[in-house]
Amino acid sequence: MKKVFILAAALLVCGGQVSAQLTYDLFYGLPGKAGSMGADVGILNSDISSIGDATDVPIMIKKSHNDKLEVGARATLGFLHEGASSFESLVVGGKYKLGESNALSVGVLLPLGDVGDPGLAVGYMMSMEAAGLMWNNQLHLGLLDGHTAGTGILVDILLEPYKELNDKMVGYLDILIGTNTDDIGGDPLGINLGPNLDYILSEDLAVNIGITIGIAGDGKADDPGIGIILLKSM
């Protein structure tokens, strides 16, 4: 599971960035204990040289209704993103825990703000140990015109090895792969690398800082980006 640390109790927090509109959660995270809640707010920038013109402001909240089912919502604001509306998008959804280390997820992109058509995303999440490291793995399929623009199925993959560095920090190396079934190895394919770090500020507060770098494929990130997210557990 992603970002688990023990303070006074176990708190499940953030993780690797997933495609901005496929899920409400900004990070990988399996459903927590019944009644637990989480909230995130921060900035996601796609061009570090243009912080004031290429930055989204996500606001996310989620709650576990029981030990298996979590629901949540994420609004993305665009007042720091040139050409975007002040209110860009809204995604709502849920996760259902299948076992201790895997879950199903669903997300609905609503036709609000800058989004003209609805989108539906379904996903599978799995945590595991391999090569001496813990890994978070996630596959999302994006359906409907809001994600596909009428062509194929959007495919979004997260592979994320992580390691606890000390009692305050957890380091992650996100491998982000995106493409479309209409041309899997062609123009839509993009592979990005996203190293990021959780720093624990207090029992129920942490900050995640990371960068995203395009590695391969025509669909990779054009410029390095940065993300700074504050995470609150309740």
C-alpha atoms as a PDB file:
ATOM      1  CA  MET A   1       0.000   0.000   0.000  1.00  0.00           C
ATOM      2  CA  LYS A   2       1.132   3.495  -0.555  1.00  0.00           C
ATOM      3  CA  LYS A   3       2.344   5.843   1.976  1.00  0.00           C
ATOM      4  CA  VAL A   4       1.755   4.081   5.178  1.00  0.00           C
ATOM      5  CA  PHE A   5       3.406   5.382   8.284  1.00  0.00           C
ATOM      6  CA  ILE A   6       2.859   4.842  12.018  1.00  0.00           C
ATOM      7  CA  LEU A   7       2.602   7.831  14.288  1.00  0.00           C
ATOM      8  CA  ALA A   8       0.045   7.479  17.031  1.00  0.00           C
ATOM      9  CA  ALA A   9      -1.815   5.151  14.647  1.00  0.00           C
ATOM     10  CA  ALA A  10      -1.413   3.935  11.073  1.00  0.00           C
ATOM     11  CA  LEU A  11      -2.235   6.648   8.533  1.00  0.00           C
ATOM     12  CA  LEU A  12      -2.682   5.904   4.831  1.00  0.00           C
ATOM     13  CA  VAL A  13      -1.614   8.860   2.765  1.00  0.00           C
ATOM     14  CA  CYS A  14      -0.418   9.720  -0.715  1.00  0.00           C
ATOM     15  CA  GLY A  15       1.451   8.125  -3.586  1.00  0.00           C
ATOM     16  CA  GLY A  16       2.306   8.336  -7.261  1.00  0.00           C
ATOM     17  CA  GLN A  17       0.483  10.744  -9.444  1.00  0.00           C
ATOM     18  CA  VAL A  18      -2.106   9.183 -11.688  1.00  0.00           C
ATOM     19  CA  SER A  19      -3.726  10.672 -14.773  1.00  0.00           C
ATOM     20  CA  ALA A  20      -5.436  13.849 -13.624  1.00  0.00           C
ATOM     21  CA  GLN A  21      -8.983  12.918 -14.622  1.00  0.00           C
ATOM     22  CA  LEU A  22      -9.103   9.128 -14.280  1.00  0.00           C
ATOM     23  CA  THR A  23      -9.574   8.955 -10.519  1.00  0.00           C
ATOM     24  CA  TYR A  24     -10.505  11.259  -7.684  1.00  0.00           C
ATOM     25  CA  ASP A  25      -7.408  10.302  -5.692  1.00  0.00           C
ATOM     26  CA  LEU A  26      -4.209  12.158  -6.468  1.00  0.00           C
ATOM     27  CA  PHE A  27      -2.127   9.234  -5.246  1.00  0.00           C
ATOM     28  CA  TYR A  28      -2.196   5.484  -4.965  1.00  0.00           C
ATOM     29  CA  GLY A  29      -3.952   4.479  -1.751  1.00  0.00           C
ATOM     30  CA  LEU A  30      -6.013   1.435  -0.775  1.00  0.00           C
ATOM     31  CA  PRO A  31      -9.212   2.024   1.251  1.00  0.00           C
ATOM     32  CA  GLY A  32      -8.511   2.640   4.934  1.00  0.00           C
ATOM     33  CA  LYS A  33     -10.360   1.635   8.072  1.00  0.00           C
ATOM     34  CA  ALA A  34     -14.067   2.403   8.440  1.00  0.00           C
ATOM     35  CA  GLY A  35     -14.673   6.073   9.127  1.00  0.00           C
ATOM     36  CA  SER A  36     -11.198   7.262   8.146  1.00  0.00           C
ATOM     37  CA  MET A  37     -11.001  10.362   5.960  1.00  0.00           C
ATOM     38  CA  GLY A  38      -8.367  12.122   3.905  1.00  0.00           C
ATOM     39  CA  ALA A  39      -8.036  15.485   2.191  1.00  0.00           C
ATOM     40  CA  ASP A  40      -5.407  16.779  -0.256  1.00  0.00           C
ATOM     41  CA  VAL A  41      -4.714  20.235  -1.662  1.00  0.00           C
ATOM     42  CA  GLY A  42      -1.754  21.576  -3.595  1.00  0.00           C
ATOM     43  CA  ILE A  43      -0.380  22.395  -7.026  1.00  0.00           C
ATOM     44  CA  LEU A  44       0.337  20.226 -10.081  1.00  0.00           C
ATOM     45  CA  ASN A  45       2.516  21.923 -12.642  1.00  0.00           C
ATOM     46  CA  SER A  46       3.242  20.650 -16.167  1.00  0.00           C
ATOM     47  CA  ASP A  47       6.039  23.133 -17.001  1.00  0.00           C
ATOM     48  CA  ILE A  48       8.342  24.150 -14.180  1.00  0.00           C
ATOM     49  CA  SER A  49       9.438  27.238 -16.124  1.00  0.00           C
ATOM     50  CA  SER A  50       5.831  28.514 -16.225  1.00  0.00           C
ATOM     51  CA  ILE A  51       4.489  28.045 -12.705  1.00  0.00           C
ATOM     52  CA  GLY A  52       1.951  30.859 -13.078  1.00  0.00           C
ATOM     53  CA  ASP A  53       0.660  29.702 -16.459  1.00  0.00           C
ATOM     54  CA  ALA A  54       0.728  25.880 -16.409  1.00  0.00           C
ATOM     55  CA  THR A  55      -0.412  24.931 -12.916  1.00  0.00           C
ATOM     56  CA  ASP A  56      -3.573  23.179 -11.716  1.00  0.00           C
ATOM     57  CA  VAL A  57      -4.857  23.333  -8.145  1.00  0.00           C
ATOM     58  CA  PRO A  58      -6.488  20.035  -7.088  1.00  0.00           C
ATOM     59  CA  ILE A  59      -8.698  19.693  -4.014  1.00  0.00           C
ATOM     60  CA  MET A  60      -9.586  16.135  -2.981  1.00  0.00           C
ATOM     61  CA  ILE A  61     -11.593  14.577  -0.151  1.00  0.00           C
ATOM     62  CA  LYS A  62     -12.330  10.895   0.523  1.00  0.00           C
ATOM     63  CA  LYS A  63     -13.912   8.729   3.204  1.00  0.00           C
ATOM     64  CA  SER A  64     -13.973   5.000   3.966  1.00  0.00           C
ATOM     65  CA  HIS A  65     -17.561   4.007   4.730  1.00  0.00           C
ATOM     66  CA  ASN A  66     -16.405   0.609   5.953  1.00  0.00           C
ATOM     67  CA  ASP A  67     -13.232  -1.467   5.846  1.00  0.00           C
ATOM     68  CA  LYS A  68     -13.720  -2.207   2.130  1.00  0.00           C
ATOM     69  CA  LEU A  69     -15.509   0.729   0.484  1.00  0.00           C
ATOM     70  CA  GLU A  70     -14.104   4.224  -0.011  1.00  0.00           C
ATOM     71  CA  VAL A  71     -15.725   7.133  -1.870  1.00  0.00           C
ATOM     72  CA  GLY A  72     -14.236  10.450  -2.868  1.00  0.00           C
ATOM     73  CA  ALA A  73     -14.255  13.508  -5.098  1.00  0.00           C
ATOM     74  CA  ARG A  74     -11.668  15.797  -6.645  1.00  0.00           C
ATOM     75  CA  ALA A  75     -12.175  19.292  -8.022  1.00  0.00           C
ATOM     76  CA  THR A  76      -9.437  20.813 -10.173  1.00  0.00           C
ATOM     77  CA  LEU A  77      -9.141  24.595 -10.294  1.00  0.00           C
ATOM     78  CA  GLY A  78      -7.437  26.389 -13.179  1.00  0.00           C
ATOM     79  CA  PHE A  79      -6.901  29.957 -12.024  1.00  0.00           C
ATOM     80  CA  LEU A  80      -3.123  29.407 -12.385  1.00  0.00           C
ATOM     81  CA  HIS A  81      -3.463  27.671 -15.763  1.00  0.00           C
ATOM     82  CA  GLU A  82      -3.474  29.869 -18.856  1.00  0.00           C
ATOM     83  CA  GLY A  83      -6.451  29.124 -21.102  1.00  0.00           C
ATOM     84  CA  ALA A  84      -8.296  27.107 -18.455  1.00  0.00           C
ATOM     85  CA  SER A  85     -11.415  28.046 -16.527  1.00  0.00           C
ATOM     86  CA  SER A  86     -11.266  28.840 -12.826  1.00  0.00           C
ATOM     87  CA  PHE A  87     -13.138  25.560 -12.335  1.00  0.00           C
ATOM     88  CA  GLU A  88     -11.668  22.933 -14.665  1.00  0.00           C
ATOM     89  CA  SER A  89     -13.146  19.556 -13.745  1.00  0.00           C
ATOM     90  CA  LEU A  90     -14.816  17.335 -11.156  1.00  0.00           C
ATOM     91  CA  VAL A  91     -14.225  13.603 -10.710  1.00  0.00           C
ATOM     92  CA  VAL A  92     -16.188  11.427  -8.284  1.00  0.00           C
ATOM     93  CA  GLY A  93     -15.759   7.729  -7.604  1.00  0.00           C
ATOM     94  CA  GLY A  94     -14.945   4.915  -5.242  1.00  0.00           C
ATOM     95  CA  LYS A  95     -12.656   1.997  -4.430  1.00  0.00           C
ATOM     96  CA  TYR A  96     -13.562  -1.484  -3.232  1.00  0.00           C
ATOM     97  CA  LYS A  97     -10.940  -3.456  -1.341  1.00  0.00           C
ATOM     98  CA  LEU A  98     -10.679  -7.074  -2.487  1.00  0.00           C
ATOM     99  CA  GLY A  99      -7.970  -8.165  -0.059  1.00  0.00           C
ATOM    100  CA  GLU A 100      -5.182  -6.745   2.075  1.00  0.00           C
ATOM    101  CA  SER A 101      -3.183  -5.631  -0.957  1.00  0.00           C
ATOM    102  CA  ASN A 102      -5.573  -5.107  -3.888  1.00  0.00           C
ATOM    103  CA  ALA A 103      -8.705  -3.201  -4.836  1.00  0.00           C
ATOM    104  CA  LEU A 104     -10.974  -2.187  -7.698  1.00  0.00           C
ATOM    105  CA  SER A 105     -11.617   1.469  -8.490  1.00  0.00           C
ATOM    106  CA  VAL A 106     -14.073   3.496 -10.545  1.00  0.00           C
ATOM    107  CA  GLY A 107     -14.090   7.177 -11.436  1.00  0.00           C
ATOM    108  CA  VAL A 108     -16.632   9.352 -13.237  1.00  0.00           C
ATOM    109  CA  LEU A 109     -15.507  12.539 -14.957  1.00  0.00           C
ATOM    110  CA  LEU A 110     -18.509  14.877 -14.949  1.00  0.00           C
ATOM    111  CA  PRO A 111     -19.303  17.238 -17.867  1.00  0.00           C
ATOM    112  CA  LEU A 112     -18.612  20.394 -15.871  1.00  0.00           C
ATOM    113  CA  GLY A 113     -16.167  23.271 -16.187  1.00  0.00           C
ATOM    114  CA  ASP A 114     -13.822  22.712 -19.120  1.00  0.00           C
ATOM    115  CA  VAL A 115     -15.099  19.138 -19.622  1.00  0.00           C
ATOM    116  CA  GLY A 116     -17.736  18.842 -22.342  1.00  0.00           C
ATOM    117  CA  ASP A 117     -18.341  15.077 -22.266  1.00  0.00           C
ATOM    118  CA  PRO A 118     -18.480  12.589 -19.391  1.00  0.00           C
ATOM    119  CA  GLY A 119     -15.749  10.016 -18.867  1.00  0.00           C
ATOM    120  CA  LEU A 120     -15.700   6.677 -17.073  1.00  0.00           C
ATOM    121  CA  ALA A 121     -12.582   4.998 -15.696  1.00  0.00           C
ATOM    122  CA  VAL A 122     -12.241   1.541 -14.172  1.00  0.00           C
ATOM    123  CA  GLY A 123      -9.099   0.329 -12.483  1.00  0.00           C
ATOM    124  CA  TYR A 124      -7.270  -2.370 -10.577  1.00  0.00           C
ATOM    125  CA  MET A 125      -4.778  -1.659  -7.772  1.00  0.00           C
ATOM    126  CA  MET A 126      -2.238  -4.059  -6.288  1.00  0.00           C
ATOM    127  CA  SER A 127       0.607  -3.720  -3.770  1.00  0.00           C
ATOM    128  CA  MET A 128       3.409  -6.270  -3.636  1.00  0.00           C
ATOM    129  CA  GLU A 129       7.036  -6.921  -2.717  1.00  0.00           C
ATOM    130  CA  ALA A 130       9.619  -7.597  -5.428  1.00  0.00           C
ATOM    131  CA  ALA A 131      13.379  -7.151  -5.904  1.00  0.00           C
ATOM    132  CA  GLY A 132      13.764  -6.138  -2.264  1.00  0.00           C
ATOM    133  CA  LEU A 133      11.333  -3.225  -2.581  1.00  0.00           C
ATOM    134  CA  MET A 134       7.656  -2.615  -1.984  1.00  0.00           C
ATOM    135  CA  TRP A 135       5.669  -1.774  -5.134  1.00  0.00           C
ATOM    136  CA  ASN A 136       2.349  -0.087  -5.832  1.00  0.00           C
ATOM    137  CA  ASN A 137       0.845  -1.020  -9.208  1.00  0.00           C
ATOM    138  CA  GLN A 138      -2.237   0.439 -10.822  1.00  0.00           C
ATOM    139  CA  LEU A 139      -4.021   0.035 -14.149  1.00  0.00           C
ATOM    140  CA  HIS A 140      -6.813   2.362 -15.282  1.00  0.00           C
ATOM    141  CA  LEU A 141      -8.885   2.159 -18.462  1.00  0.00           C
ATOM    142  CA  GLY A 142     -10.553   5.395 -19.578  1.00  0.00           C
ATOM    143  CA  LEU A 143     -13.849   5.077 -21.453  1.00  0.00           C
ATOM    144  CA  LEU A 144     -16.409   7.420 -23.047  1.00  0.00           C
ATOM    145  CA  ASP A 145     -15.710  10.612 -24.949  1.00  0.00           C
ATOM    146  CA  GLY A 146     -14.522  12.538 -21.904  1.00  0.00           C
ATOM    147  CA  HIS A 147     -11.395  10.365 -21.833  1.00  0.00           C
ATOM    148  CA  THR A 148     -11.097   9.067 -25.379  1.00  0.00           C
ATOM    149  CA  ALA A 149     -12.513  11.829 -27.619  1.00  0.00           C
ATOM    150  CA  GLY A 150     -14.298   8.996 -29.433  1.00  0.00           C
ATOM    151  CA  THR A 151     -11.166   6.968 -30.225  1.00  0.00           C
ATOM    152  CA  GLY A 152     -10.135   3.683 -28.596  1.00  0.00           C
ATOM    153  CA  ILE A 153      -9.684   3.184 -24.846  1.00  0.00           C
ATOM    154  CA  LEU A 154      -7.312   5.242 -22.732  1.00  0.00           C
ATOM    155  CA  VAL A 155      -4.763   3.092 -20.868  1.00  0.00           C
ATOM    156  CA  ASP A 156      -2.964   4.492 -17.816  1.00  0.00           C
ATOM    157  CA  ILE A 157      -0.406   2.422 -15.844  1.00  0.00           C
ATOM    158  CA  LEU A 158       1.447   3.250 -12.650  1.00  0.00           C
ATOM    159  CA  LEU A 159       4.430   1.168 -11.481  1.00  0.00           C
ATOM    160  CA  GLU A 160       5.835   2.518  -8.248  1.00  0.00           C
ATOM    161  CA  PRO A 161       8.665   1.105  -6.157  1.00  0.00           C
ATOM    162  CA  TYR A 162       9.023   2.823  -2.789  1.00  0.00           C
ATOM    163  CA  LYS A 163      11.177   2.704   0.322  1.00  0.00           C
ATOM    164  CA  GLU A 164      10.936   4.127   3.818  1.00  0.00           C
ATOM    165  CA  LEU A 165      14.026   6.324   4.178  1.00  0.00           C
ATOM    166  CA  ASN A 166      13.601   7.154   7.865  1.00  0.00           C
ATOM    167  CA  ASP A 167      10.780   7.797  10.336  1.00  0.00           C
ATOM    168  CA  LYS A 168       9.910  11.044   8.536  1.00  0.00           C
ATOM    169  CA  MET A 169      10.395  10.302   4.843  1.00  0.00           C
ATOM    170  CA  VAL A 170       9.249   7.775   2.234  1.00  0.00           C
ATOM    171  CA  GLY A 171      10.726   7.895  -1.269  1.00  0.00           C
ATOM    172  CA  TYR A 172       8.957   6.786  -4.469  1.00  0.00           C
ATOM    173  CA  LEU A 173      10.016   6.344  -8.077  1.00  0.00           C
ATOM    174  CA  ASP A 174       6.879   6.463 -10.229  1.00  0.00           C
ATOM    175  CA  ILE A 175       6.916   4.969 -13.705  1.00  0.00           C
ATOM    176  CA  LEU A 176       3.902   6.377 -15.552  1.00  0.00           C
ATOM    177  CA  ILE A 177       2.818   4.833 -18.850  1.00  0.00           C
ATOM    178  CA  GLY A 178      -0.070   6.165 -20.905  1.00  0.00           C
ATOM    179  CA  THR A 179      -1.427   5.182 -24.317  1.00  0.00           C
ATOM    180  CA  ASN A 180      -4.607   4.415 -26.288  1.00  0.00           C
ATOM    181  CA  THR A 181      -5.740   1.045 -27.640  1.00  0.00           C
ATOM    182  CA  ASP A 182      -6.322   2.640 -31.059  1.00  0.00           C
ATOM    183  CA  ASP A 183      -2.539   2.918 -31.513  1.00  0.00           C
ATOM    184  CA  ILE A 184      -0.833   1.428 -28.447  1.00  0.00           C
ATOM    185  CA  GLY A 185       2.768   1.858 -29.567  1.00  0.00           C
ATOM    186  CA  GLY A 186       2.228   4.956 -31.687  1.00  0.00           C
ATOM    187  CA  ASP A 187       1.578   8.641 -31.118  1.00  0.00           C
ATOM    188  CA  PRO A 188      -0.469   8.283 -27.881  1.00  0.00           C
ATOM    189  CA  LEU A 189       2.290   6.389 -26.060  1.00  0.00           C
ATOM    190  CA  GLY A 190       4.062   8.365 -23.385  1.00  0.00           C
ATOM    191  CA  ILE A 191       6.364   7.183 -20.601  1.00  0.00           C
ATOM    192  CA  ASN A 192       7.165   9.559 -17.760  1.00  0.00           C
ATOM    193  CA  LEU A 193       9.295   9.243 -14.647  1.00  0.00           C
ATOM    194  CA  GLY A 194       8.056  10.797 -11.408  1.00  0.00           C
ATOM    195  CA  PRO A 195      10.372  10.643  -8.379  1.00  0.00           C
ATOM    196  CA  ASN A 196       8.585  11.977  -5.300  1.00  0.00           C
ATOM    197  CA  LEU A 197       8.931  12.113  -1.547  1.00  0.00           C
ATOM    198  CA  ASP A 198       6.560  12.070   1.417  1.00  0.00           C
ATOM    199  CA  TYR A 199       7.671  14.131   4.397  1.00  0.00           C
ATOM    200  CA  ILE A 200       5.688  13.642   7.598  1.00  0.00           C
ATOM    201  CA  LEU A 201       4.961  16.926   9.357  1.00  0.00           C
ATOM    202  CA  SER A 202       2.829  15.654  12.240  1.00  0.00           C
ATOM    203  CA  GLU A 203       0.591  12.758  13.297  1.00  0.00           C
ATOM    204  CA  ASP A 204      -2.038  13.574  10.686  1.00  0.00           C
ATOM    205  CA  LEU A 205      -0.257  15.845   8.211  1.00  0.00           C
ATOM    206  CA  ALA A 206       2.272  15.189   5.443  1.00  0.00           C
ATOM    207  CA  VAL A 207       3.563  16.890   2.313  1.00  0.00           C
ATOM    208  CA  ASN A 208       4.445  15.198  -0.974  1.00  0.00           C
ATOM    209  CA  ILE A 209       6.958  16.855  -3.298  1.00  0.00           C
ATOM    210  CA  GLY A 210       7.809  15.424  -6.703  1.00  0.00           C
ATOM    211  CA  ILE A 211       8.824  16.099 -10.269  1.00  0.00           C
ATOM    212  CA  THR A 212       7.704  14.567 -13.570  1.00  0.00           C
ATOM    213  CA  ILE A 213      10.066  14.066 -16.499  1.00  0.00           C
ATOM    214  CA  GLY A 214       9.190  12.801 -19.971  1.00  0.00           C
ATOM    215  CA  ILE A 215      11.241   9.732 -20.868  1.00  0.00           C
ATOM    216  CA  ALA A 216       9.960   8.168 -24.105  1.00  0.00           C
ATOM    217  CA  GLY A 217       7.177   8.222 -26.687  1.00  0.00           C
ATOM    218  CA  ASP A 218       5.413  10.969 -28.590  1.00  0.00           C
ATOM    219  CA  GLY A 219       2.903  11.320 -25.748  1.00  0.00           C
ATOM    220  CA  LYS A 220       5.471  11.937 -23.003  1.00  0.00           C
ATOM    221  CA  ALA A 221       5.550  15.156 -20.989  1.00  0.00           C
ATOM    222  CA  ASP A 222       7.061  17.940 -23.091  1.00  0.00           C
ATOM    223  CA  ASP A 223       8.587  19.755 -20.122  1.00  0.00           C
ATOM    224  CA  PRO A 224       9.570  18.861 -16.555  1.00  0.00           C
ATOM    225  CA  GLY A 225       6.769  19.470 -14.079  1.00  0.00           C
ATOM    226  CA  ILE A 226       6.500  19.722 -10.320  1.00  0.00           C
ATOM    227  CA  GLY A 227       3.886  18.800  -7.745  1.00  0.00           C
ATOM    228  CA  ILE A 228       3.538  19.920  -4.126  1.00  0.00           C
ATOM    229  CA  ILE A 229       0.607  18.401  -2.258  1.00  0.00           C
ATOM    230  CA  LEU A 230      -0.419  18.754   1.387  1.00  0.00           C
ATOM    231  CA  LEU A 231      -2.136  15.649   2.795  1.00  0.00           C
ATOM    232  CA  LYS A 232      -4.383  15.562   5.850  1.00  0.00           C
ATOM    233  CA  SER A 233      -5.726  12.440   7.579  1.00  0.00           C
ATOM    234  CA  MET A 234      -8.831  12.637   9.767  1.00  0.00           C
END
